[in-house]
C-alpha cells in the first residue's frame, strides 16, 4: 500500500490494474491522472467515481502513488480522507473497491456508502 493515513491510498494490486487500464486506453501516466470522487446517488446516498483525467481543477488535492498521480476535489476528499483503493479479481467479485474509514454504512454491492 502506498500513501499516508490522511491520503487517499492505493493497494499494489489496484496500482497494477490502473497501469493496465491506462495502457489499454493508450494514455500516459505523465499526461493523465486517476481522478477519485464522490457523487450523490446509489442505494446508500453517495457513490464512488473513478476516471482518468488530464485537467486539474482549482482546489484539487493531489497524491502520488508510485508513478500514478491520484487527484480528488476538496468536497470529495472530506468523504475520502484515509480511504484505500483496492482491486479484487477473485471468484467473489471483480473490480475496484474502496476501504473507507469514514463510511458509517455501505450497500451490498460496495459501490455506495453513507456517512
PDB file of N, CA and C in Angstrom:
ATOM      1  N   UNK A   1       0.847  -1.170   0.000  1.00  0.00           N
ATOM      2  CA  UNK A   1       0.000   0.000   0.000  1.00  0.00           C
ATOM      3  C   UNK A   1       0.893   1.234   0.000  1.00  0.00           C
ATOM      4  N   UNK A   2       0.488   2.225  -0.772  1.00  0.00           N
ATOM      5  CA  UNK A   2       1.279   3.437  -0.911  1.00  0.00           C
ATOM      6  C   UNK A   2       0.459   4.613  -0.396  1.00  0.00           C
ATOM      7  N   UNK A   3       1.051   5.448   0.482  1.00  0.00           N
ATOM      8  CA  UNK A   3       0.379   6.639   0.981  1.00  0.00           C
ATOM      9  C   UNK A   3       0.462   6.734   2.488  1.00  0.00           C
ATOM     10  N   UNK A   4      -0.064   7.821   3.037  1.00  0.00           N
ATOM     11  CA  UNK A   4      -0.101   8.006   4.480  1.00  0.00           C
ATOM     12  C   UNK A   4      -1.530   7.850   4.968  1.00  0.00           C
ATOM     13  N   UNK A   5      -1.738   7.938   6.294  1.00  0.00           N
ATOM     14  CA  UNK A   5      -3.068   7.736   6.870  1.00  0.00           C
ATOM     15  C   UNK A   5      -4.093   8.759   6.413  1.00  0.00           C
ATOM     16  N   UNK A   6      -3.692   9.974   6.104  1.00  0.00           N
ATOM     17  CA  UNK A   6      -4.637  11.013   5.691  1.00  0.00           C
ATOM     18  C   UNK A   6      -4.836  11.033   4.175  1.00  0.00           C
ATOM     19  N   UNK A   7      -3.957  10.413   3.440  1.00  0.00           N
ATOM     20  CA  UNK A   7      -4.034  10.403   1.981  1.00  0.00           C
ATOM     21  C   UNK A   7      -5.130   9.472   1.485  1.00  0.00           C
ATOM     22  N   UNK A   8      -5.402   9.569   0.213  1.00  0.00           N
ATOM     23  CA  UNK A   8      -6.130   8.525  -0.486  1.00  0.00           C
ATOM     24  C   UNK A   8      -5.051   7.582  -0.978  1.00  0.00           C
ATOM     25  N   UNK A   9      -5.093   6.349  -0.505  1.00  0.00           N
ATOM     26  CA  UNK A   9      -4.046   5.378  -0.796  1.00  0.00           C
ATOM     27  C   UNK A   9      -4.523   4.373  -1.839  1.00  0.00           C
ATOM     28  N   UNK A  10      -3.574   3.649  -2.406  1.00  0.00           N
ATOM     29  CA  UNK A  10      -3.892   2.647  -3.413  1.00  0.00           C
ATOM     30  C   UNK A  10      -3.066   1.399  -3.122  1.00  0.00           C
ATOM     31  N   UNK A  11      -3.714   0.248  -3.154  1.00  0.00           N
ATOM     32  CA  UNK A  11      -3.004  -1.004  -2.912  1.00  0.00           C
ATOM     33  C   UNK A  11      -2.143  -1.344  -4.126  1.00  0.00           C
ATOM     34  N   UNK A  12      -1.187  -2.223  -3.921  1.00  0.00           N
ATOM     35  CA  UNK A  12      -0.319  -2.635  -5.023  1.00  0.00           C
ATOM     36  C   UNK A  12      -1.128  -3.286  -6.138  1.00  0.00           C
ATOM     37  N   UNK A  13      -2.126  -4.093  -5.771  1.00  0.00           N
ATOM     38  CA  UNK A  13      -2.964  -4.771  -6.766  1.00  0.00           C
ATOM     39  C   UNK A  13      -3.770  -3.759  -7.588  1.00  0.00           C
ATOM     40  N   UNK A  14      -4.308  -2.753  -6.921  1.00  0.00           N
ATOM     41  CA  UNK A  14      -5.063  -1.713  -7.631  1.00  0.00           C
ATOM     42  C   UNK A  14      -4.143  -0.896  -8.531  1.00  0.00           C
ATOM     43  N   UNK A  15      -2.927  -0.648  -8.074  1.00  0.00           N
ATOM     44  CA  UNK A  15      -1.962   0.107  -8.868  1.00  0.00           C
ATOM     45  C   UNK A  15      -1.634  -0.627 -10.165  1.00  0.00           C
ATOM     46  N   UNK A  16      -1.457  -1.929 -10.081  1.00  0.00           N
ATOM     47  CA  UNK A  16      -1.202  -2.742 -11.279  1.00  0.00           C
ATOM     48  C   UNK A  16      -2.381  -2.633 -12.244  1.00  0.00           C
ATOM     49  N   UNK A  17      -3.612  -2.713 -11.713  1.00  0.00           N
ATOM     50  CA  UNK A  17      -4.800  -2.630 -12.565  1.00  0.00           C
ATOM     51  C   UNK A  17      -4.932  -1.252 -13.206  1.00  0.00           C
ATOM     52  N   UNK A  18      -4.611  -0.186 -12.481  1.00  0.00           N
ATOM     53  CA  UNK A  18      -4.643   1.169 -13.045  1.00  0.00           C
ATOM     54  C   UNK A  18      -3.651   1.259 -14.197  1.00  0.00           C
ATOM     55  N   UNK A  19      -2.450   0.723 -14.005  1.00  0.00           N
ATOM     56  CA  UNK A  19      -1.454   0.714 -15.093  1.00  0.00           C
ATOM     57  C   UNK A  19      -1.999  -0.033 -16.312  1.00  0.00           C
ATOM     58  N   UNK A  20      -2.622  -1.190 -16.088  1.00  0.00           N
ATOM     59  CA  UNK A  20      -3.188  -1.978 -17.189  1.00  0.00           C
ATOM     60  C   UNK A  20      -4.253  -1.187 -17.942  1.00  0.00           C
ATOM     61  N   UNK A  21      -5.147  -0.537 -17.203  1.00  0.00           N
ATOM     62  CA  UNK A  21      -6.227   0.232 -17.828  1.00  0.00           C
ATOM     63  C   UNK A  21      -5.686   1.428 -18.613  1.00  0.00           C
ATOM     64  N   UNK A  22      -4.666   2.081 -18.068  1.00  0.00           N
ATOM     65  CA  UNK A  22      -4.058   3.207 -18.779  1.00  0.00           C
ATOM     66  C   UNK A  22      -3.396   2.729 -20.068  1.00  0.00           C
ATOM     67  N   UNK A  23      -2.693   1.616 -19.982  1.00  0.00           N
ATOM     68  CA  UNK A  23      -2.048   1.060 -21.179  1.00  0.00           C
ATOM     69  C   UNK A  23      -3.101   0.684 -22.218  1.00  0.00           C
ATOM     70  N   UNK A  24      -4.176  -0.002 -21.785  1.00  0.00           N
ATOM     71  CA  UNK A  24      -5.233  -0.422 -22.706  1.00  0.00           C
ATOM     72  C   UNK A  24      -5.925   0.771 -23.363  1.00  0.00           C
ATOM     73  N   UNK A  25      -6.040   1.887 -22.628  1.00  0.00           N
ATOM     74  CA  UNK A  25      -6.681   3.096 -23.163  1.00  0.00           C
ATOM     75  C   UNK A  25      -5.708   3.943 -23.984  1.00  0.00           C
ATOM     76  N   UNK A  26      -4.426   3.565 -23.971  1.00  0.00           N
ATOM     77  CA  UNK A  26      -3.427   4.310 -24.735  1.00  0.00           C
ATOM     78  C   UNK A  26      -3.103   5.672 -24.154  1.00  0.00           C
ATOM     79  N   UNK A  27      -3.187   5.784 -22.826  1.00  0.00           N
ATOM     80  CA  UNK A  27      -2.870   7.060 -22.188  1.00  0.00           C
ATOM     81  C   UNK A  27      -1.648   6.906 -21.300  1.00  0.00           C
ATOM     82  N   UNK A  28      -0.941   8.000 -21.127  1.00  0.00           N
ATOM     83  CA  UNK A  28       0.308   8.011 -20.385  1.00  0.00           C
ATOM     84  C   UNK A  28       0.095   8.573 -18.983  1.00  0.00           C
ATOM     85  N   UNK A  29       0.753   7.973 -17.994  1.00  0.00           N
ATOM     86  CA  UNK A  29       0.699   8.465 -16.627  1.00  0.00           C
ATOM     87  C   UNK A  29       1.310   9.845 -16.485  1.00  0.00           C
ATOM     88  N   UNK A  30       2.161  10.229 -17.430  1.00  0.00           N
ATOM     89  CA  UNK A  30       2.763  11.562 -17.381  1.00  0.00           C
ATOM     90  C   UNK A  30       1.749  12.634 -17.775  1.00  0.00           C
ATOM     91  N   UNK A  31       0.784  12.257 -18.623  1.00  0.00           N
ATOM     92  CA  UNK A  31      -0.207  13.213 -19.107  1.00  0.00           C
ATOM     93  C   UNK A  31      -1.534  13.122 -18.358  1.00  0.00           C
ATOM     94  N   UNK A  32      -1.849  11.956 -17.807  1.00  0.00           N
ATOM     95  CA  UNK A  32      -3.137  11.714 -17.173  1.00  0.00           C
ATOM     96  C   UNK A  32      -2.953  11.318 -15.714  1.00  0.00           C
ATOM     97  N   UNK A  33      -4.024  11.449 -14.966  1.00  0.00           N
ATOM     98  CA  UNK A  33      -4.032  11.029 -13.575  1.00  0.00           C
ATOM     99  C   UNK A  33      -5.353  10.333 -13.282  1.00  0.00           C
ATOM    100  N   UNK A  34      -5.401   9.672 -12.147  1.00  0.00           N
ATOM    101  CA  UNK A  34      -6.612   8.996 -11.703  1.00  0.00           C
ATOM    102  C   UNK A  34      -7.417   9.958 -10.849  1.00  0.00           C
ATOM    103  N   UNK A  35      -8.617  10.299 -11.304  1.00  0.00           N
ATOM    104  CA  UNK A  35      -9.490  11.178 -10.524  1.00  0.00           C
ATOM    105  C   UNK A  35     -10.447  10.306  -9.720  1.00  0.00           C
ATOM    106  N   UNK A  36     -10.449  10.523  -8.411  1.00  0.00           N
ATOM    107  CA  UNK A  36     -11.325   9.817  -7.483  1.00  0.00           C
ATOM    108  C   UNK A  36     -12.302  10.843  -6.927  1.00  0.00           C
ATOM    109  N   UNK A  37     -13.595  10.514  -6.952  1.00  0.00           N
ATOM    110  CA  UNK A  37     -14.576  11.478  -6.463  1.00  0.00           C
ATOM    111  C   UNK A  37     -15.785  10.769  -5.862  1.00  0.00           C
ATOM    112  N   UNK A  38     -16.632  11.562  -5.257  1.00  0.00           N
ATOM    113  CA  UNK A  38     -17.869  11.090  -4.647  1.00  0.00           C
ATOM    114  C   UNK A  38     -19.011  11.872  -5.267  1.00  0.00           C
ATOM    115  N   UNK A  39     -20.085  11.183  -5.609  1.00  0.00           N
ATOM    116  CA  UNK A  39     -21.268  11.820  -6.168  1.00  0.00           C
ATOM    117  C   UNK A  39     -22.482  11.366  -5.362  1.00  0.00           C
ATOM    118  N   UNK A  40     -23.515  12.171  -5.342  1.00  0.00           N
ATOM    119  CA  UNK A  40     -24.761  11.786  -4.702  1.00  0.00           C
ATOM    120  C   UNK A  40     -25.440  10.696  -5.511  1.00  0.00           C
ATOM    121  N   UNK A  41     -26.047   9.732  -4.820  1.00  0.00           N
ATOM    122  CA  UNK A  41     -26.769   8.665  -5.508  1.00  0.00           C
ATOM    123  C   UNK A  41     -26.478   7.305  -4.907  1.00  0.00           C
ATOM    124  N   UNK A  42     -26.953   6.283  -5.552  1.00  0.00           N
ATOM    125  CA  UNK A  42     -26.759   4.925  -5.056  1.00  0.00           C
ATOM    126  C   UNK A  42     -27.749   4.608  -3.946  1.00  0.00           C
ATOM    127  N   UNK A  43     -27.768   3.367  -3.533  1.00  0.00           N
ATOM    128  CA  UNK A  43     -28.748   2.950  -2.528  1.00  0.00           C
ATOM    129  C   UNK A  43     -28.396   3.422  -1.122  1.00  0.00           C
ATOM    130  N   UNK A  44     -27.158   3.873  -0.887  1.00  0.00           N
ATOM    131  CA  UNK A  44     -26.785   4.366   0.438  1.00  0.00           C
ATOM    132  C   UNK A  44     -26.631   5.879   0.488  1.00  0.00           C
ATOM    133  N   UNK A  45     -26.744   6.559  -0.642  1.00  0.00           N
ATOM    134  CA  UNK A  45     -26.709   8.015  -0.653  1.00  0.00           C
ATOM    135  C   UNK A  45     -25.544   8.645  -1.390  1.00  0.00           C
ATOM    136  N   UNK A  46     -24.373   8.021  -1.348  1.00  0.00           N
ATOM    137  CA  UNK A  46     -23.189   8.545  -2.028  1.00  0.00           C
ATOM    138  C   UNK A  46     -22.531   7.423  -2.813  1.00  0.00           C
ATOM    139  N   UNK A  47     -22.016   7.730  -3.999  1.00  0.00           N
ATOM    140  CA  UNK A  47     -21.337   6.725  -4.808  1.00  0.00           C
ATOM    141  C   UNK A  47     -19.908   7.160  -5.107  1.00  0.00           C
ATOM    142  N   UNK A  48     -19.048   6.168  -5.278  1.00  0.00           N
ATOM    143  CA  UNK A  48     -17.654   6.408  -5.643  1.00  0.00           C
ATOM    144  C   UNK A  48     -17.559   6.531  -7.156  1.00  0.00           C
ATOM    145  N   UNK A  49     -16.604   7.341  -7.614  1.00  0.00           N
ATOM    146  CA  UNK A  49     -16.389   7.502  -9.037  1.00  0.00           C
ATOM    147  C   UNK A  49     -14.886   7.500  -9.313  1.00  0.00           C
ATOM    148  N   UNK A  50     -14.471   6.742 -10.312  1.00  0.00           N
ATOM    149  CA  UNK A  50     -13.074   6.696 -10.775  1.00  0.00           C
ATOM    150  C   UNK A  50     -13.055   7.038 -12.251  1.00  0.00           C
ATOM    151  N   UNK A  51     -12.077   7.833 -12.648  1.00  0.00           N
ATOM    152  CA  UNK A  51     -11.946   8.180 -14.056  1.00  0.00           C
ATOM    153  C   UNK A  51     -10.526   8.652 -14.312  1.00  0.00           C
ATOM    154  N   UNK A  52     -10.095   8.589 -15.546  1.00  0.00           N
ATOM    155  CA  UNK A  52      -8.825   9.181 -15.932  1.00  0.00           C
ATOM    156  C   UNK A  52      -9.108  10.597 -16.411  1.00  0.00           C
ATOM    157  N   UNK A  53      -8.240  11.518 -16.052  1.00  0.00           N
ATOM    158  CA  UNK A  53      -8.431  12.929 -16.375  1.00  0.00           C
ATOM    159  C   UNK A  53      -7.061  13.522 -16.677  1.00  0.00           C
ATOM    160  N   UNK A  54      -7.051  14.616 -17.412  1.00  0.00           N
ATOM    161  CA  UNK A  54      -5.780  15.303 -17.672  1.00  0.00           C
ATOM    162  C   UNK A  54      -5.895  16.803 -17.425  1.00  0.00           C
ATOM    163  N   UNK A  55      -6.997  17.230 -16.763  1.00  0.00           N
ATOM    164  CA  UNK A  55      -7.166  18.643 -16.449  1.00  0.00           C
ATOM    165  C   UNK A  55      -7.435  18.817 -14.954  1.00  0.00           C
ATOM    166  N   UNK A  56      -6.473  19.393 -14.269  1.00  0.00           N
ATOM    167  CA  UNK A  56      -6.647  19.664 -12.835  1.00  0.00           C
ATOM    168  C   UNK A  56      -7.598  20.850 -12.674  1.00  0.00           C
ATOM    169  N   UNK A  57      -8.319  20.829 -11.552  1.00  0.00           N
ATOM    170  CA  UNK A  57      -9.256  21.901 -11.241  1.00  0.00           C
ATOM    171  C   UNK A  57      -8.774  22.640 -10.000  1.00  0.00           C
ATOM    172  N   UNK A  58      -9.172  23.888  -9.865  1.00  0.00           N
ATOM    173  CA  UNK A  58      -8.810  24.671  -8.698  1.00  0.00           C
ATOM    174  C   UNK A  58      -9.288  23.962  -7.435  1.00  0.00           C
ATOM    175  N   UNK A  59      -8.402  23.837  -6.459  1.00  0.00           N
ATOM    176  CA  UNK A  59      -8.753  23.203  -5.196  1.00  0.00           C
ATOM    177  C   UNK A  59      -8.556  21.704  -5.155  1.00  0.00           C
ATOM    178  N   UNK A  60      -8.106  21.090  -6.251  1.00  0.00           N
ATOM    179  CA  UNK A  60      -7.862  19.643  -6.251  1.00  0.00           C
ATOM    180  C   UNK A  60      -6.779  19.272  -5.254  1.00  0.00           C
ATOM    181  N   UNK A  61      -6.966  18.151  -4.601  1.00  0.00           N
ATOM    182  CA  UNK A  61      -5.951  17.545  -3.744  1.00  0.00           C
ATOM    183  C   UNK A  61      -5.196  16.543  -4.607  1.00  0.00           C
ATOM    184  N   UNK A  62      -3.878  16.469  -4.448  1.00  0.00           N
ATOM    185  CA  UNK A  62      -3.062  15.549  -5.251  1.00  0.00           C
ATOM    186  C   UNK A  62      -2.280  14.620  -4.338  1.00  0.00           C
ATOM    187  N   UNK A  63      -2.226  13.357  -4.737  1.00  0.00           N
ATOM    188  CA  UNK A  63      -1.490  12.334  -4.018  1.00  0.00           C
ATOM    189  C   UNK A  63      -0.692  11.530  -5.030  1.00  0.00           C
ATOM    190  N   UNK A  64       0.478  11.104  -4.645  1.00  0.00           N
ATOM    191  CA  UNK A  64       1.326  10.326  -5.542  1.00  0.00           C
ATOM    192  C   UNK A  64       1.375   8.883  -5.073  1.00  0.00           C
ATOM    193  N   UNK A  65       1.131   7.956  -5.968  1.00  0.00           N
ATOM    194  CA  UNK A  65       1.214   6.530  -5.686  1.00  0.00           C
ATOM    195  C   UNK A  65       2.122   5.910  -6.738  1.00  0.00           C
ATOM    196  N   UNK A  66       3.371   5.692  -6.360  1.00  0.00           N
ATOM    197  CA  UNK A  66       4.367   5.219  -7.311  1.00  0.00           C
ATOM    198  C   UNK A  66       4.432   6.240  -8.450  1.00  0.00           C
ATOM    199  N   UNK A  67       4.153   5.824  -9.669  1.00  0.00           N
ATOM    200  CA  UNK A  67       4.214   6.746 -10.803  1.00  0.00           C
ATOM    201  C   UNK A  67       2.830   7.220 -11.252  1.00  0.00           C
ATOM    202  N   UNK A  68       1.803   6.977 -10.435  1.00  0.00           N
ATOM    203  CA  UNK A  68       0.437   7.395 -10.754  1.00  0.00           C
ATOM    204  C   UNK A  68       0.013   8.504  -9.798  1.00  0.00           C
ATOM    205  N   UNK A  69      -0.479   9.592 -10.374  1.00  0.00           N
ATOM    206  CA  UNK A  69      -0.996  10.684  -9.559  1.00  0.00           C
ATOM    207  C   UNK A  69      -2.490  10.444  -9.342  1.00  0.00           C
ATOM    208  N   UNK A  70      -2.930  10.580  -8.087  1.00  0.00           N
ATOM    209  CA  UNK A  70      -4.336  10.481  -7.727  1.00  0.00           C
ATOM    210  C   UNK A  70      -4.805  11.889  -7.388  1.00  0.00           C
ATOM    211  N   UNK A  71      -5.914  12.300  -7.978  1.00  0.00           N
ATOM    212  CA  UNK A  71      -6.441  13.643  -7.768  1.00  0.00           C
ATOM    213  C   UNK A  71      -7.879  13.533  -7.276  1.00  0.00           C
ATOM    214  N   UNK A  72      -8.221  14.419  -6.340  1.00  0.00           N
ATOM    215  CA  UNK A  72      -9.547  14.412  -5.736  1.00  0.00           C
ATOM    216  C   UNK A  72      -9.958  15.848  -5.452  1.00  0.00           C
ATOM    217  N   UNK A  73     -11.199  16.205  -5.756  1.00  0.00           N
ATOM    218  CA  UNK A  73     -11.668  17.545  -5.412  1.00  0.00           C
ATOM    219  C   UNK A  73     -11.840  17.635  -3.896  1.00  0.00           C
ATOM    220  N   UNK A  74     -11.797  18.833  -3.371  1.00  0.00           N
ATOM    221  CA  UNK A  74     -11.813  19.036  -1.918  1.00  0.00           C
ATOM    222  C   UNK A  74     -13.093  18.507  -1.279  1.00  0.00           C
ATOM    223  N   UNK A  75     -14.238  18.707  -1.903  1.00  0.00           N
ATOM    224  CA  UNK A  75     -15.501  18.222  -1.337  1.00  0.00           C
ATOM    225  C   UNK A  75     -15.482  16.697  -1.206  1.00  0.00           C
ATOM    226  N   UNK A  76     -15.032  16.005  -2.246  1.00  0.00           N
ATOM    227  CA  UNK A  76     -14.954  14.543  -2.193  1.00  0.00           C
ATOM    228  C   UNK A  76     -13.928  14.086  -1.165  1.00  0.00           C
ATOM    229  N   UNK A  77     -12.835  14.843  -1.035  1.00  0.00           N
ATOM    230  CA  UNK A  77     -11.786  14.460  -0.092  1.00  0.00           C
ATOM    231  C   UNK A  77     -12.307  14.417   1.337  1.00  0.00           C
ATOM    232  N   UNK A  78     -13.265  15.265   1.665  1.00  0.00           N
ATOM    233  CA  UNK A  78     -13.838  15.247   3.011  1.00  0.00           C
ATOM    234  C   UNK A  78     -14.467  13.893   3.330  1.00  0.00           C
ATOM    235  N   UNK A  79     -14.983  13.210   2.310  1.00  0.00           N
ATOM    236  CA  UNK A  79     -15.565  11.877   2.476  1.00  0.00           C
ATOM    237  C   UNK A  79     -14.534  10.761   2.305  1.00  0.00           C
ATOM    238  N   UNK A  80     -13.445  11.054   1.606  1.00  0.00           N
ATOM    239  CA  UNK A  80     -12.491  10.011   1.219  1.00  0.00           C
ATOM    240  C   UNK A  80     -11.168  10.037   1.977  1.00  0.00           C
ATOM    241  N   UNK A  81     -10.970  10.988   2.860  1.00  0.00           N
ATOM    242  CA  UNK A  81      -9.721  11.086   3.618  1.00  0.00           C
ATOM    243  C   UNK A  81      -9.430   9.757   4.312  1.00  0.00           C
ATOM    244  N   UNK A  82      -8.266   9.202   4.056  1.00  0.00           N
ATOM    245  CA  UNK A  82      -7.858   7.946   4.675  1.00  0.00           C
ATOM    246  C   UNK A  82      -8.344   6.695   3.959  1.00  0.00           C
ATOM    247  N   UNK A  83      -8.983   6.854   2.814  1.00  0.00           N
ATOM    248  CA  UNK A  83      -9.524   5.722   2.061  1.00  0.00           C
ATOM    249  C   UNK A  83      -8.426   5.005   1.284  1.00  0.00           C
ATOM    250  N   UNK A  84      -8.556   3.690   1.203  1.00  0.00           N
ATOM    251  CA  UNK A  84      -7.650   2.881   0.376  1.00  0.00           C
ATOM    252  C   UNK A  84      -8.424   2.315  -0.798  1.00  0.00           C
ATOM    253  N   UNK A  85      -7.896   2.504  -1.993  1.00  0.00           N
ATOM    254  CA  UNK A  85      -8.448   1.917  -3.213  1.00  0.00           C
ATOM    255  C   UNK A  85      -7.791   0.561  -3.399  1.00  0.00           C
ATOM    256  N   UNK A  86      -8.610  -0.473  -3.541  1.00  0.00           N
ATOM    257  CA  UNK A  86      -8.103  -1.830  -3.707  1.00  0.00           C
ATOM    258  C   UNK A  86      -8.719  -2.426  -4.964  1.00  0.00           C
ATOM    259  N   UNK A  87      -8.198  -3.569  -5.376  1.00  0.00           N
ATOM    260  CA  UNK A  87      -8.736  -4.268  -6.537  1.00  0.00           C
ATOM    261  C   UNK A  87      -8.784  -5.753  -6.235  1.00  0.00           C
ATOM    262  N   UNK A  88      -9.887  -6.380  -6.599  1.00  0.00           N
ATOM    263  CA  UNK A  88     -10.045  -7.819  -6.410  1.00  0.00           C
ATOM    264  C   UNK A  88     -10.411  -8.452  -7.737  1.00  0.00           C
ATOM    265  N   UNK A  89      -9.804  -9.574  -8.014  1.00  0.00           N
ATOM    266  CA  UNK A  89     -10.171 -10.319  -9.224  1.00  0.00           C
ATOM    267  C   UNK A  89     -10.517 -11.764  -8.868  1.00  0.00           C
ATOM    268  N   UNK A  90     -11.022 -11.953  -7.657  1.00  0.00           N
ATOM    269  CA  UNK A  90     -11.351 -13.283  -7.159  1.00  0.00           C
ATOM    270  C   UNK A  90     -12.720 -13.766  -7.603  1.00  0.00           C
ATOM    271  N   UNK A  91     -13.072 -14.947  -7.145  1.00  0.00           N
ATOM    272  CA  UNK A  91     -14.340 -15.575  -7.506  1.00  0.00           C
ATOM    273  C   UNK A  91     -15.544 -14.841  -6.924  1.00  0.00           C
ATOM    274  N   UNK A  92     -15.369 -14.136  -5.821  1.00  0.00           N
ATOM    275  CA  UNK A  92     -16.483 -13.449  -5.169  1.00  0.00           C
ATOM    276  C   UNK A  92     -16.736 -12.056  -5.723  1.00  0.00           C
ATOM    277  N   UNK A  93     -16.072 -11.692  -6.759  1.00  0.00           N
ATOM    278  CA  UNK A  93     -16.280 -10.373  -7.339  1.00  0.00           C
ATOM    279  C   UNK A  93     -15.010  -9.839  -7.932  1.00  0.00           C
ATOM    280  N   UNK A  94     -15.177  -9.015  -8.931  1.00  0.00           N
ATOM    281  CA  UNK A  94     -14.032  -8.448  -9.615  1.00  0.00           C
ATOM    282  C   UNK A  94     -14.243  -6.957  -9.745  1.00  0.00           C
ATOM    283  N   UNK A  95     -13.217  -6.198  -9.418  1.00  0.00           N
ATOM    284  CA  UNK A  95     -13.304  -4.768  -9.605  1.00  0.00           C
ATOM    285  C   UNK A  95     -12.638  -4.004  -8.485  1.00  0.00           C
ATOM    286  N   UNK A  96     -12.714  -2.697  -8.600  1.00  0.00           N
ATOM    287  CA  UNK A  96     -12.153  -1.810  -7.589  1.00  0.00           C
ATOM    288  C   UNK A  96     -13.085  -1.745  -6.393  1.00  0.00           C
ATOM    289  N   UNK A  97     -12.487  -1.600  -5.229  1.00  0.00           N
ATOM    290  CA  UNK A  97     -13.273  -1.412  -4.016  1.00  0.00           C
ATOM    291  C   UNK A  97     -12.611  -0.325  -3.181  1.00  0.00           C
ATOM    292  N   UNK A  98     -13.414   0.319  -2.358  1.00  0.00           N
ATOM    293  CA  UNK A  98     -12.954   1.399  -1.506  1.00  0.00           C
ATOM    294  C   UNK A  98     -13.049   0.959  -0.053  1.00  0.00           C
ATOM    295  N   UNK A  99     -11.939   1.030   0.645  1.00  0.00           N
ATOM    296  CA  UNK A  99     -11.920   0.758   2.078  1.00  0.00           C
ATOM    297  C   UNK A  99     -11.908   2.132   2.735  1.00  0.00           C
ATOM    298  N   UNK A 100     -13.103   2.576   3.129  1.00  0.00           N
ATOM    299  CA  UNK A 100     -13.305   3.948   3.563  1.00  0.00           C
ATOM    300  C   UNK A 100     -13.610   3.996   5.060  1.00  0.00           C
ATOM    301  N   UNK A 101     -12.682   4.511   5.871  1.00  0.00           N
ATOM    302  CA  UNK A 101     -12.919   4.580   7.310  1.00  0.00           C
ATOM    303  C   UNK A 101     -13.996   5.590   7.702  1.00  0.00           C
ATOM    304  N   UNK A 102     -14.420   6.437   6.775  1.00  0.00           N
ATOM    305  CA  UNK A 102     -15.435   7.450   7.051  1.00  0.00           C
ATOM    306  C   UNK A 102     -16.852   6.957   6.809  1.00  0.00           C
ATOM    307  N   UNK A 103     -16.994   5.809   6.164  1.00  0.00           N
ATOM    308  CA  UNK A 103     -18.320   5.284   5.822  1.00  0.00           C
ATOM    309  C   UNK A 103     -18.976   4.657   7.047  1.00  0.00           C
ATOM    310  N   UNK A 104     -20.164   5.151   7.402  1.00  0.00           N
ATOM    311  CA  UNK A 104     -20.918   4.584   8.518  1.00  0.00           C
ATOM    312  C   UNK A 104     -21.609   3.294   8.083  1.00  0.00           C
ATOM    313  N   UNK A 105     -22.006   3.235   6.801  1.00  0.00           N
ATOM    314  CA  UNK A 105     -22.589   2.008   6.249  1.00  0.00           C
ATOM    315  C   UNK A 105     -22.350   1.985   4.741  1.00  0.00           C
ATOM    316  N   UNK A 106     -22.350   0.790   4.182  1.00  0.00           N
ATOM    317  CA  UNK A 106     -22.188   0.625   2.742  1.00  0.00           C
ATOM    318  C   UNK A 106     -23.288  -0.294   2.238  1.00  0.00           C
ATOM    319  N   UNK A 107     -23.550  -0.227   0.956  1.00  0.00           N
ATOM    320  CA  UNK A 107     -24.550  -1.107   0.384  1.00  0.00           C
ATOM    321  C   UNK A 107     -23.921  -2.473   0.102  1.00  0.00           C
ATOM    322  N   UNK A 108     -24.726  -3.435  -0.258  1.00  0.00           N
ATOM    323  CA  UNK A 108     -24.248  -4.779  -0.529  1.00  0.00           C
ATOM    324  C   UNK A 108     -23.265  -4.872  -1.677  1.00  0.00           C
ATOM    325  N   UNK A 109     -23.439  -4.023  -2.686  1.00  0.00           N
ATOM    326  CA  UNK A 109     -22.533  -4.081  -3.838  1.00  0.00           C
ATOM    327  C   UNK A 109     -21.228  -3.349  -3.590  1.00  0.00           C
ATOM    328  N   UNK A 110     -21.172  -2.519  -2.540  1.00  0.00           N
ATOM    329  CA  UNK A 110     -19.944  -1.804  -2.211  1.00  0.00           C
ATOM    330  C   UNK A 110     -19.690  -0.563  -3.036  1.00  0.00           C
ATOM    331  N   UNK A 111     -20.653  -0.183  -3.871  1.00  0.00           N
ATOM    332  CA  UNK A 111     -20.459   0.985  -4.730  1.00  0.00           C
ATOM    333  C   UNK A 111     -21.037   2.265  -4.152  1.00  0.00           C
ATOM    334  N   UNK A 112     -21.785   2.153  -3.057  1.00  0.00           N
ATOM    335  CA  UNK A 112     -22.300   3.368  -2.432  1.00  0.00           C
ATOM    336  C   UNK A 112     -22.139   3.264  -0.921  1.00  0.00           C
ATOM    337  N   UNK A 113     -22.201   4.428  -0.265  1.00  0.00           N
ATOM    338  CA  UNK A 113     -21.970   4.477   1.171  1.00  0.00           C
ATOM    339  C   UNK A 113     -22.689   5.664   1.775  1.00  0.00           C
ATOM    340  N   UNK A 114     -22.729   5.699   3.089  1.00  0.00           N
ATOM    341  CA  UNK A 114     -23.292   6.825   3.821  1.00  0.00           C
ATOM    342  C   UNK A 114     -22.350   7.160   4.969  1.00  0.00           C
ATOM    343  N   UNK A 115     -22.353   8.430   5.366  1.00  0.00           N
ATOM    344  CA  UNK A 115     -21.519   8.873   6.490  1.00  0.00           C
ATOM    345  C   UNK A 115     -22.394   9.277   7.662  1.00  0.00           C
TER     346      UNK A 115
END
